[in-house]
Amino acid sequence: MSYQLTNSLGAIEAVIDDNCGISKFYSIANTLAKEFKVKFLQKQDEFHSVDWLFKYKGHPLMLHYNIYNGVSICTSNNKDNAAVSELARKLESRFF
């Protein structure tokens, strides 16, 4: 189900589920915390979107939710693209 979007700087965003509610975001966050031992470093919750920053294997990533676009994992630096892709594949195998 996941697919990737690339921004103008070459960093990717892996969309985990583009047709879901906030409960799927929390389920994915719970999986990241329990199964992947991720600790969320910063949480920003707004009306239409939620952004939680974390590190995965030393790479700074963000779990993102938007009511229009669903749940995704992204980075702001293209050197972290491989970590985004790896984690998206692992999450996809657990949720689909």
N, C-alpha and C. Protein backbone atom coordinates (compact mmCIF):
# COMPACT_ATOMS: atom_id res chain seq x y z
N MET A 1 0.82 -1.20 0.00
CA MET A 1 0.00 0.00 0.00
C MET A 1 0.86 1.26 0.00
N SER A 2 2.06 1.19 0.58
CA SER A 2 2.85 2.42 0.66
C SER A 2 3.39 2.82 -0.70
N TYR A 3 3.55 4.09 -0.88
CA TYR A 3 4.18 4.63 -2.07
C TYR A 3 4.97 5.85 -1.65
N GLN A 4 5.85 6.30 -2.52
CA GLN A 4 6.76 7.37 -2.14
C GLN A 4 6.53 8.63 -2.97
N LEU A 5 6.66 9.76 -2.29
CA LEU A 5 6.64 11.07 -2.92
C LEU A 5 8.02 11.68 -2.71
N THR A 6 8.50 12.44 -3.66
CA THR A 6 9.81 13.07 -3.54
C THR A 6 9.64 14.59 -3.63
N ASN A 7 10.28 15.31 -2.69
CA ASN A 7 10.20 16.76 -2.74
C ASN A 7 11.29 17.33 -3.65
N SER A 8 11.33 18.61 -3.81
CA SER A 8 12.26 19.25 -4.74
C SER A 8 13.72 19.08 -4.33
N LEU A 9 13.99 18.77 -3.07
CA LEU A 9 15.36 18.57 -2.59
C LEU A 9 15.79 17.11 -2.64
N GLY A 10 14.89 16.22 -3.07
CA GLY A 10 15.22 14.81 -3.19
C GLY A 10 14.87 13.97 -1.98
N ALA A 11 14.33 14.56 -0.93
CA ALA A 11 13.91 13.80 0.25
C ALA A 11 12.56 13.15 -0.04
N ILE A 12 12.37 11.95 0.51
CA ILE A 12 11.12 11.24 0.22
C ILE A 12 10.16 11.24 1.40
N GLU A 13 8.91 11.00 1.06
CA GLU A 13 7.84 10.78 2.02
C GLU A 13 7.18 9.48 1.62
N ALA A 14 7.16 8.50 2.51
CA ALA A 14 6.53 7.21 2.24
C ALA A 14 5.13 7.23 2.84
N VAL A 15 4.14 7.18 2.00
CA VAL A 15 2.76 7.18 2.45
C VAL A 15 2.39 5.75 2.84
N ILE A 16 2.04 5.57 4.10
CA ILE A 16 1.69 4.25 4.63
C ILE A 16 0.23 3.93 4.31
N ASP A 17 -0.66 4.89 4.55
CA ASP A 17 -2.08 4.70 4.25
C ASP A 17 -2.68 6.06 3.96
N ASP A 18 -3.20 6.24 2.76
CA ASP A 18 -3.75 7.54 2.38
C ASP A 18 -5.25 7.63 2.58
N ASN A 19 -5.85 6.59 3.13
CA ASN A 19 -7.28 6.59 3.35
C ASN A 19 -7.58 6.04 4.74
N CYS A 20 -7.25 6.83 5.76
CA CYS A 20 -7.42 6.34 7.13
C CYS A 20 -7.69 7.51 8.08
N GLY A 21 -8.01 7.16 9.29
CA GLY A 21 -8.27 8.14 10.32
C GLY A 21 -7.11 8.23 11.30
N ILE A 22 -7.30 9.06 12.30
CA ILE A 22 -6.25 9.31 13.30
C ILE A 22 -5.95 8.03 14.10
N SER A 23 -6.92 7.14 14.21
CA SER A 23 -6.66 5.90 14.97
C SER A 23 -5.56 5.07 14.31
N LYS A 24 -5.46 5.10 12.99
CA LYS A 24 -4.40 4.37 12.29
C LYS A 24 -3.05 5.01 12.61
N PHE A 25 -3.01 6.35 12.70
CA PHE A 25 -1.77 7.05 13.08
C PHE A 25 -1.31 6.55 14.44
N TYR A 26 -2.22 6.51 15.41
CA TYR A 26 -1.85 6.08 16.76
C TYR A 26 -1.44 4.60 16.79
N SER A 27 -2.06 3.79 15.97
CA SER A 27 -1.69 2.38 15.88
C SER A 27 -0.27 2.23 15.33
N ILE A 28 0.07 2.99 14.31
CA ILE A 28 1.42 2.96 13.74
C ILE A 28 2.42 3.50 14.76
N ALA A 29 2.07 4.58 15.44
CA ALA A 29 2.96 5.14 16.47
C ALA A 29 3.21 4.12 17.58
N ASN A 30 2.18 3.41 17.97
CA ASN A 30 2.31 2.38 19.00
C ASN A 30 3.23 1.25 18.53
N THR A 31 3.09 0.85 17.29
CA THR A 31 3.95 -0.18 16.71
C THR A 31 5.40 0.28 16.68
N LEU A 32 5.61 1.52 16.28
CA LEU A 32 6.98 2.07 16.26
C LEU A 32 7.60 2.05 17.65
N ALA A 33 6.82 2.44 18.64
CA ALA A 33 7.32 2.49 20.02
C ALA A 33 7.59 1.10 20.59
N LYS A 34 6.67 0.18 20.40
CA LYS A 34 6.80 -1.14 21.02
C LYS A 34 7.70 -2.09 20.24
N GLU A 35 7.50 -2.19 18.94
CA GLU A 35 8.24 -3.18 18.16
C GLU A 35 9.59 -2.69 17.66
N PHE A 36 9.70 -1.40 17.41
CA PHE A 36 10.94 -0.84 16.88
C PHE A 36 11.71 -0.02 17.92
N LYS A 37 11.17 0.04 19.14
CA LYS A 37 11.82 0.74 20.26
C LYS A 37 12.12 2.21 19.95
N VAL A 38 11.22 2.83 19.19
CA VAL A 38 11.36 4.24 18.83
C VAL A 38 10.87 5.11 19.99
N LYS A 39 11.59 6.17 20.26
CA LYS A 39 11.15 7.16 21.24
C LYS A 39 10.86 8.45 20.48
N PHE A 40 9.67 8.97 20.70
CA PHE A 40 9.29 10.20 20.02
C PHE A 40 9.91 11.37 20.75
N LEU A 41 10.62 12.20 20.00
CA LEU A 41 11.40 13.28 20.58
C LEU A 41 10.61 14.58 20.68
N GLN A 42 9.70 14.76 19.76
CA GLN A 42 8.91 15.99 19.74
C GLN A 42 7.57 15.67 19.10
N LYS A 43 6.50 16.21 19.68
CA LYS A 43 5.16 15.97 19.16
C LYS A 43 4.47 17.30 18.92
N GLN A 44 3.93 17.43 17.72
CA GLN A 44 3.19 18.64 17.38
C GLN A 44 1.83 18.21 16.84
N ASP A 45 0.80 18.49 17.61
CA ASP A 45 -0.56 18.12 17.23
C ASP A 45 -1.34 19.39 16.90
N GLU A 46 -1.88 19.43 15.70
CA GLU A 46 -2.71 20.55 15.28
C GLU A 46 -4.05 20.02 14.81
N PHE A 47 -4.92 20.92 14.42
CA PHE A 47 -6.28 20.53 14.05
C PHE A 47 -6.31 19.56 12.87
N HIS A 48 -5.60 19.85 11.80
CA HIS A 48 -5.65 19.04 10.59
C HIS A 48 -4.48 18.07 10.44
N SER A 49 -3.45 18.22 11.26
CA SER A 49 -2.27 17.36 11.09
C SER A 49 -1.55 17.13 12.41
N VAL A 50 -0.77 16.04 12.40
CA VAL A 50 0.02 15.65 13.57
C VAL A 50 1.41 15.27 13.06
N ASP A 51 2.44 15.79 13.70
CA ASP A 51 3.82 15.49 13.33
C ASP A 51 4.58 15.07 14.58
N TRP A 52 5.11 13.85 14.56
CA TRP A 52 5.90 13.34 15.68
C TRP A 52 7.29 13.00 15.18
N LEU A 53 8.29 13.66 15.73
CA LEU A 53 9.67 13.43 15.34
C LEU A 53 10.28 12.30 16.16
N PHE A 54 11.12 11.49 15.50
CA PHE A 54 11.79 10.37 16.16
C PHE A 54 13.05 10.04 15.40
N LYS A 55 13.87 9.19 16.00
CA LYS A 55 15.06 8.68 15.32
C LYS A 55 14.91 7.19 15.11
N TYR A 56 15.30 6.76 13.92
CA TYR A 56 15.29 5.34 13.57
C TYR A 56 16.68 5.00 13.05
N LYS A 57 17.39 4.16 13.79
CA LYS A 57 18.76 3.80 13.44
C LYS A 57 19.63 5.05 13.22
N GLY A 58 19.41 6.05 14.06
CA GLY A 58 20.20 7.27 14.00
C GLY A 58 19.73 8.30 12.99
N HIS A 59 18.69 7.98 12.23
CA HIS A 59 18.17 8.89 11.20
C HIS A 59 16.98 9.67 11.76
N PRO A 60 17.00 10.99 11.68
CA PRO A 60 15.85 11.78 12.14
C PRO A 60 14.70 11.69 11.13
N LEU A 61 13.58 11.14 11.59
CA LEU A 61 12.41 10.97 10.74
C LEU A 61 11.19 11.56 11.40
N MET A 62 10.09 11.63 10.65
CA MET A 62 8.86 12.17 11.19
C MET A 62 7.69 11.28 10.79
N LEU A 63 6.88 10.94 11.77
CA LEU A 63 5.60 10.28 11.52
C LEU A 63 4.58 11.39 11.36
N HIS A 64 3.92 11.41 10.21
CA HIS A 64 3.04 12.52 9.86
C HIS A 64 1.63 12.00 9.61
N TYR A 65 0.65 12.75 10.09
CA TYR A 65 -0.76 12.47 9.78
C TYR A 65 -1.42 13.75 9.34
N ASN A 66 -2.22 13.63 8.29
CA ASN A 66 -3.01 14.75 7.80
C ASN A 66 -4.38 14.20 7.44
N ILE A 67 -5.44 14.91 7.80
CA ILE A 67 -6.78 14.39 7.56
C ILE A 67 -7.07 14.21 6.07
N TYR A 68 -6.35 14.89 5.22
CA TYR A 68 -6.57 14.79 3.78
C TYR A 68 -5.66 13.76 3.10
N ASN A 69 -4.46 13.53 3.67
CA ASN A 69 -3.46 12.68 3.01
C ASN A 69 -3.12 11.40 3.76
N GLY A 70 -3.63 11.20 4.96
CA GLY A 70 -3.38 9.98 5.70
C GLY A 70 -2.08 9.99 6.49
N VAL A 71 -1.48 8.80 6.65
CA VAL A 71 -0.29 8.61 7.48
C VAL A 71 0.92 8.39 6.59
N SER A 72 2.02 9.06 6.94
CA SER A 72 3.26 8.87 6.19
C SER A 72 4.46 9.01 7.11
N ILE A 73 5.60 8.57 6.60
CA ILE A 73 6.89 8.77 7.26
C ILE A 73 7.73 9.57 6.31
N CYS A 74 8.39 10.59 6.82
CA CYS A 74 9.19 11.43 5.93
C CYS A 74 10.45 11.92 6.62
N THR A 75 11.29 12.52 5.81
CA THR A 75 12.53 13.12 6.27
C THR A 75 12.73 14.42 5.54
N SER A 76 13.55 15.26 6.07
CA SER A 76 13.85 16.52 5.39
C SER A 76 15.20 16.47 4.69
N ASN A 77 15.89 15.33 4.81
CA ASN A 77 17.23 15.22 4.25
C ASN A 77 17.30 13.96 3.38
N ASN A 78 17.74 14.10 2.14
CA ASN A 78 17.74 12.95 1.24
C ASN A 78 18.72 11.85 1.65
N LYS A 79 19.65 12.14 2.55
CA LYS A 79 20.56 11.09 3.02
C LYS A 79 19.84 10.09 3.94
N ASP A 80 18.63 10.42 4.37
CA ASP A 80 17.84 9.54 5.22
C ASP A 80 16.77 8.76 4.44
N ASN A 81 16.79 8.88 3.12
CA ASN A 81 15.76 8.22 2.29
C ASN A 81 15.72 6.71 2.47
N ALA A 82 16.88 6.08 2.58
CA ALA A 82 16.92 4.63 2.72
C ALA A 82 16.23 4.19 4.01
N ALA A 83 16.41 4.95 5.08
CA ALA A 83 15.76 4.63 6.36
C ALA A 83 14.25 4.77 6.25
N VAL A 84 13.79 5.78 5.55
CA VAL A 84 12.34 5.97 5.34
C VAL A 84 11.78 4.77 4.58
N SER A 85 12.43 4.39 3.49
CA SER A 85 11.96 3.26 2.68
C SER A 85 11.95 1.96 3.47
N GLU A 86 13.02 1.71 4.22
CA GLU A 86 13.11 0.48 5.01
C GLU A 86 11.99 0.40 6.04
N LEU A 87 11.78 1.48 6.77
CA LEU A 87 10.76 1.48 7.81
C LEU A 87 9.36 1.38 7.20
N ALA A 88 9.13 2.03 6.08
CA ALA A 88 7.82 1.95 5.42
C ALA A 88 7.52 0.51 5.00
N ARG A 89 8.50 -0.19 4.46
CA ARG A 89 8.30 -1.58 4.06
C ARG A 89 7.97 -2.45 5.28
N LYS A 90 8.67 -2.24 6.37
CA LYS A 90 8.42 -3.02 7.58
C LYS A 90 7.03 -2.76 8.13
N LEU A 91 6.60 -1.50 8.13
CA LEU A 91 5.27 -1.16 8.63
C LEU A 91 4.19 -1.72 7.71
N GLU A 92 4.44 -1.66 6.42
CA GLU A 92 3.48 -2.18 5.47
C GLU A 92 3.25 -3.67 5.69
N SER A 93 4.30 -4.41 5.99
CA SER A 93 4.15 -5.84 6.22
C SER A 93 3.34 -6.14 7.47
N ARG A 94 3.29 -5.21 8.42
CA ARG A 94 2.52 -5.42 9.65
C ARG A 94 1.08 -4.97 9.53
N PHE A 95 0.80 -4.01 8.64
CA PHE A 95 -0.54 -3.43 8.59
C PHE A 95 -1.36 -3.85 7.37
N PHE A 96 -0.73 -4.48 6.39
CA PHE A 96 -1.49 -4.87 5.19
C PHE A 96 -1.22 -6.29 4.82
